Protein backbone atom coordinates (compact mmCIF):
# COMPACT_ATOMS: atom_id res chain seq x y z
CA MET A 1 66.19 30.14 28.58
CA ALA A 2 69.17 29.13 30.97
CA ALA A 3 68.21 29.29 34.75
CA LEU A 4 69.87 32.31 36.23
CA GLY A 5 73.00 31.95 38.24
CA LYS A 6 73.53 32.58 42.07
CA VAL A 7 75.28 35.63 43.58
CA TYR A 8 77.98 35.47 46.24
CA LEU A 9 78.82 38.77 48.05
CA ILE A 10 81.84 37.91 49.86
CA GLY A 11 83.85 39.79 52.28
CA ALA A 12 87.45 39.92 51.29
CA GLY A 13 88.52 41.37 54.89
CA PRO A 14 90.71 44.10 55.77
CA GLY A 15 93.36 43.62 53.01
CA ALA A 16 95.62 40.04 53.96
CA ALA A 17 94.76 37.70 51.86
CA ASP A 18 94.92 35.09 54.52
CA LEU A 19 92.47 36.93 56.60
CA ILE A 20 89.19 35.83 54.34
CA THR A 21 87.27 33.62 55.63
CA VAL A 22 87.58 29.90 54.49
CA ARG A 23 84.16 29.56 52.81
CA GLY A 24 85.14 32.74 51.01
CA ALA A 25 88.30 31.24 49.61
CA ARG A 26 86.62 28.20 48.85
CA LEU A 27 83.96 30.02 46.81
CA LEU A 28 86.74 32.16 45.28
CA ALA A 29 88.15 29.14 43.82
CA GLN A 30 85.00 28.03 42.36
CA ALA A 31 83.82 31.19 40.92
CA GLU A 32 83.39 31.72 37.08
CA VAL A 33 83.47 35.46 37.59
CA VAL A 34 84.70 38.03 40.12
CA LEU A 35 83.24 41.79 40.65
CA TYR A 36 86.03 43.16 43.08
CA ASP A 37 86.14 46.42 44.75
CA ALA A 38 89.07 48.77 44.59
CA LEU A 39 90.67 47.58 47.95
CA VAL A 40 90.94 44.10 47.09
CA THR A 41 94.57 42.93 46.56
CA PRO A 42 96.36 41.07 43.52
CA GLU A 43 96.99 38.71 46.51
CA MET A 44 93.27 38.05 47.08
CA LEU A 45 92.71 37.66 43.52
CA ALA A 46 95.08 35.34 42.98
CA LEU A 47 92.63 32.91 45.10
CA CYS A 48 90.35 33.36 41.93
CA ALA A 49 92.62 32.86 39.14
CA GLN A 50 90.28 30.92 36.84
CA ALA A 51 87.40 33.24 37.14
CA GLU A 52 86.97 36.50 34.57
CA LEU A 53 87.92 39.30 36.74
CA ILE A 54 85.57 42.50 36.62
CA SER A 55 87.00 45.80 38.67
CA VAL A 56 84.19 47.65 39.73
CA GLY A 57 86.41 49.78 42.21
CA LYS A 58 84.92 52.69 44.55
CA ARG A 59 87.21 54.74 46.02
CA SER A 60 86.33 58.04 47.92
CA GLY A 61 86.98 61.16 46.03
CA GLN A 62 88.16 59.29 42.92
CA ARG A 63 86.14 58.62 39.86
CA SER A 64 84.71 54.83 40.39
CA THR A 65 82.36 52.99 39.01
CA ALA A 66 78.25 54.18 39.87
CA GLN A 67 76.43 51.89 42.23
CA THR A 68 73.63 51.71 39.52
CA ALA A 69 76.01 50.08 36.99
CA ILE A 70 77.61 47.82 39.32
CA ASN A 71 74.04 46.38 40.27
CA GLN A 72 73.25 46.28 36.43
CA GLN A 73 76.55 44.21 36.12
CA LEU A 74 75.47 41.85 38.93
CA VAL A 75 72.22 41.03 37.35
CA GLU A 76 74.08 40.31 33.67
CA CYS A 77 76.56 38.42 34.98
CA ALA A 78 73.74 36.25 36.91
CA GLN A 79 71.83 35.90 33.37
CA ARG A 80 75.45 34.84 32.08
CA TYR A 81 77.08 32.79 34.64
CA GLN A 82 76.17 29.86 37.12
CA MET A 83 78.26 31.23 40.25
CA VAL A 84 79.02 34.93 40.21
CA VAL A 85 81.08 36.29 43.33
CA ARG A 86 81.09 39.93 44.17
CA LEU A 87 84.10 40.45 46.49
CA LYS A 88 84.21 43.14 48.71
CA GLY A 89 86.44 44.64 50.89
CA GLY A 90 85.77 44.16 55.01
CA ASP A 91 82.57 42.86 55.57
CA PRO A 92 79.56 43.38 53.06
CA MET A 93 77.23 44.19 55.43
CA LEU A 94 78.93 47.03 57.00
CA PHE A 95 79.43 50.24 54.76
CA GLY A 96 79.26 47.61 51.62
CA ARG A 97 76.30 49.26 49.63
CA ALA A 98 74.70 45.38 50.27
CA ASP A 99 71.48 46.75 50.36
CA GLU A 100 71.30 48.56 47.13
CA GLU A 101 72.82 45.23 45.77
CA LEU A 102 70.73 43.05 47.29
CA ARG A 103 67.30 44.81 46.28
CA ALA A 104 68.66 44.68 42.76
CA LEU A 105 69.31 41.15 42.36
CA GLU A 106 66.10 40.20 44.16
CA ALA A 107 64.13 41.92 42.14
CA GLU A 108 65.30 40.05 39.14
CA GLY A 109 64.54 36.51 41.16
CA ILE A 110 68.50 36.14 41.58
CA GLU A 111 69.49 33.89 44.52
CA VAL A 112 71.73 35.39 46.70
CA GLU A 113 74.25 34.19 49.55
CA VAL A 114 76.23 36.65 51.97
CA VAL A 115 79.32 35.54 53.24
CA PRO A 116 80.99 37.50 56.00
CA GLY A 117 84.07 39.49 56.25
CA ILE A 118 86.31 40.69 59.29
CA THR A 119 85.44 44.30 58.97
CA THR A 120 88.52 46.60 59.22
CA ALA A 121 87.56 48.13 62.89
CA LEU A 122 88.11 44.71 64.48
CA ALA A 123 91.31 43.74 62.36
CA ALA A 124 92.78 47.23 63.49
CA ALA A 125 92.05 46.33 66.97
CA ALA A 126 94.25 43.03 66.42
CA ALA A 127 96.74 44.97 64.96
CA THR A 128 97.41 47.72 67.67
CA LYS A 129 96.31 44.92 70.24
CA GLN A 130 93.90 47.71 71.33
CA PRO A 131 90.74 46.45 72.60
CA LEU A 132 87.84 48.60 71.72
CA THR A 133 86.02 47.69 74.78
CA ARG A 134 87.67 47.83 78.54
CA ARG A 135 85.56 46.54 81.74
CA GLY A 136 85.26 49.66 83.55
CA VAL A 137 86.06 51.92 81.00
CA ALA A 138 84.40 51.30 77.81
CA ARG A 139 81.36 49.24 77.21
CA SER A 140 79.82 50.59 74.07
CA VAL A 141 81.37 51.19 70.41
CA ALA A 142 80.14 52.78 67.47
CA PHE A 143 81.58 52.51 63.96
CA PHE A 144 80.50 55.16 61.55
CA THR A 145 81.11 57.22 58.24
CA SER A 146 80.79 60.80 57.37
CA SER A 147 79.40 59.75 54.15
CA THR A 148 76.01 60.55 53.74
CA ALA A 149 73.20 60.34 51.23
CA PRO A 150 71.56 62.86 48.77
CA GLY A 151 69.50 64.99 50.75
CA GLU A 152 70.86 64.29 54.26
CA PRO A 153 72.95 66.88 56.67
CA ASP A 154 76.62 67.03 55.65
CA HIS A 155 77.68 66.48 59.50
CA PRO A 156 74.67 64.24 60.83
CA ALA A 157 75.43 63.91 64.63
CA LEU A 158 78.34 61.96 66.41
CA PRO A 159 77.22 58.79 67.80
CA ALA A 160 76.84 58.95 72.19
CA THR A 161 78.91 56.20 72.66
CA ASP A 162 82.67 55.43 74.44
CA THR A 163 84.70 54.15 71.63
CA LEU A 164 83.81 55.90 68.22
CA VAL A 165 85.70 54.00 65.04
CA GLN A 166 85.43 56.26 62.22
CA TYR A 167 85.88 54.44 58.42
CA MET A 168 87.07 56.24 55.86
CA GLY A 169 88.58 58.62 58.09
CA GLY A 170 91.56 60.80 56.47
CA ARG A 171 90.15 64.26 56.29
CA GLU A 172 87.08 63.53 57.60
CA ALA A 173 88.17 62.47 61.18
CA VAL A 174 90.19 65.86 61.44
CA GLY A 175 86.18 67.65 61.61
CA THR A 176 85.28 64.77 63.82
CA ALA A 177 87.80 65.60 66.17
CA THR A 178 86.88 69.61 65.91
CA ARG A 179 83.41 68.69 66.87
CA LEU A 180 83.86 66.40 69.61
CA LEU A 181 86.29 69.01 71.14
CA ALA A 182 83.54 71.82 70.93
CA GLU A 183 80.99 68.89 72.71
CA GLY A 184 83.71 68.83 75.50
CA ARG A 185 85.74 65.71 75.11
CA ARG A 186 89.00 65.85 76.61
CA PRO A 187 91.94 67.16 74.28
CA ASP A 188 94.42 64.25 75.86
CA LEU A 189 91.87 61.71 74.45
CA PRO A 190 93.48 58.66 72.63
CA VAL A 191 93.36 58.26 69.19
CA VAL A 192 94.81 55.55 67.01
CA VAL A 193 94.86 55.97 63.46
CA VAL A 194 95.34 52.62 61.24
CA GLU A 195 96.16 53.30 57.24
CA ASN A 196 96.63 50.19 55.02
CA CYS A 197 95.08 47.95 58.00
CA SER A 198 96.74 44.37 57.59
CA ARG A 199 98.75 45.32 54.82
CA ALA A 200 102.81 45.28 54.13
CA ASP A 201 102.49 48.94 54.11
CA GLN A 202 100.23 49.07 57.28
CA ARG A 203 101.11 52.15 59.35
CA ILE A 204 99.85 52.82 63.07
CA ARG A 205 100.08 56.39 64.47
CA ARG A 206 98.90 57.37 68.03
CA LEU A 207 98.39 60.77 69.19
CA THR A 208 95.65 62.58 70.89
CA LEU A 209 91.96 64.15 69.96
CA ALA A 210 93.51 67.72 70.19
CA GLY A 211 96.36 66.49 68.08
CA LEU A 212 93.98 65.21 65.56
CA GLY A 213 92.13 68.30 65.48
CA GLU A 214 95.28 69.68 63.99
CA GLY A 215 95.13 67.67 61.16
CA LEU A 216 96.69 64.49 59.77
CA ASP A 217 99.12 64.15 57.15
CA ALA A 218 99.17 62.87 53.40
CA THR A 219 97.74 59.15 53.23
CA ASP A 220 97.74 56.70 50.19
CA GLY A 221 95.63 54.19 51.63
CA PRO A 222 92.40 53.69 53.09
CA VAL A 223 92.61 55.01 56.69
CA LEU A 224 90.61 53.55 59.94
CA VAL A 225 90.44 56.35 63.23
CA MET A 226 89.86 55.01 66.62
CA ILE A 227 89.12 57.60 69.59
CA GLY A 228 88.23 56.92 73.20
CA GLU A 229 89.45 56.14 76.72
CA ALA A 230 89.71 52.23 75.72
CA LEU A 231 92.72 53.41 73.12
CA GLN A 232 95.13 54.20 76.32
CA LEU A 233 97.93 52.22 76.18
CA ARG A 234 98.68 49.81 78.56
CA LEU A 235 101.41 50.13 81.22
CA HIS A 236 103.90 47.81 79.59
CA GLN A 237 102.18 47.99 76.12
CA PRO A 238 104.95 48.74 73.28
CA VAL A 239 104.32 51.54 70.99
């Protein structure tokens, strides 16, 4: 029986192909097979043109490959290939379901290495030139999502931090704004919405908590919503 291959969980970063790490790009160029997310761009996949490409995309609100099927595909690929890459948008260890994939691979005795990527919150802060912390104003940050596991409450408690960053924001962020306003947060609290972060069609919108509570217009790509006093525009900062 052939020896089992090794699986690399690699973070693709927020979108732009040149924001992947040097290690991630090097491993992609050596991969025999790459299982990639829906948010991975064609430019990123060009870095592994030699590999067999398998789409296992998961998009909120759309039909996608079930996680159990992805786990099984990873195991089967490690049984056939020596170098397998699971390419995930952002960072594998943050909202990337890495725990489920690690458990499935480890249960079969398959070696795994995790290669971190730039998570979208940090890329969005860079794109907007808007630090998520500010001395004397914001000393804590929470990354969260409205997605819950079966059996969990639909609306878990919001983090009690100075800056809130909601992944997969979109429509869910409107509900977040409504809840924060009901908790007594200021209606004019700054909000920054970033769609398609780091990509050619990136879109940045600045509004207030009250404005967010009134709704967001339709979006075509992944949305990240940042809320907090640290998002206040600097005196000479371009909009």
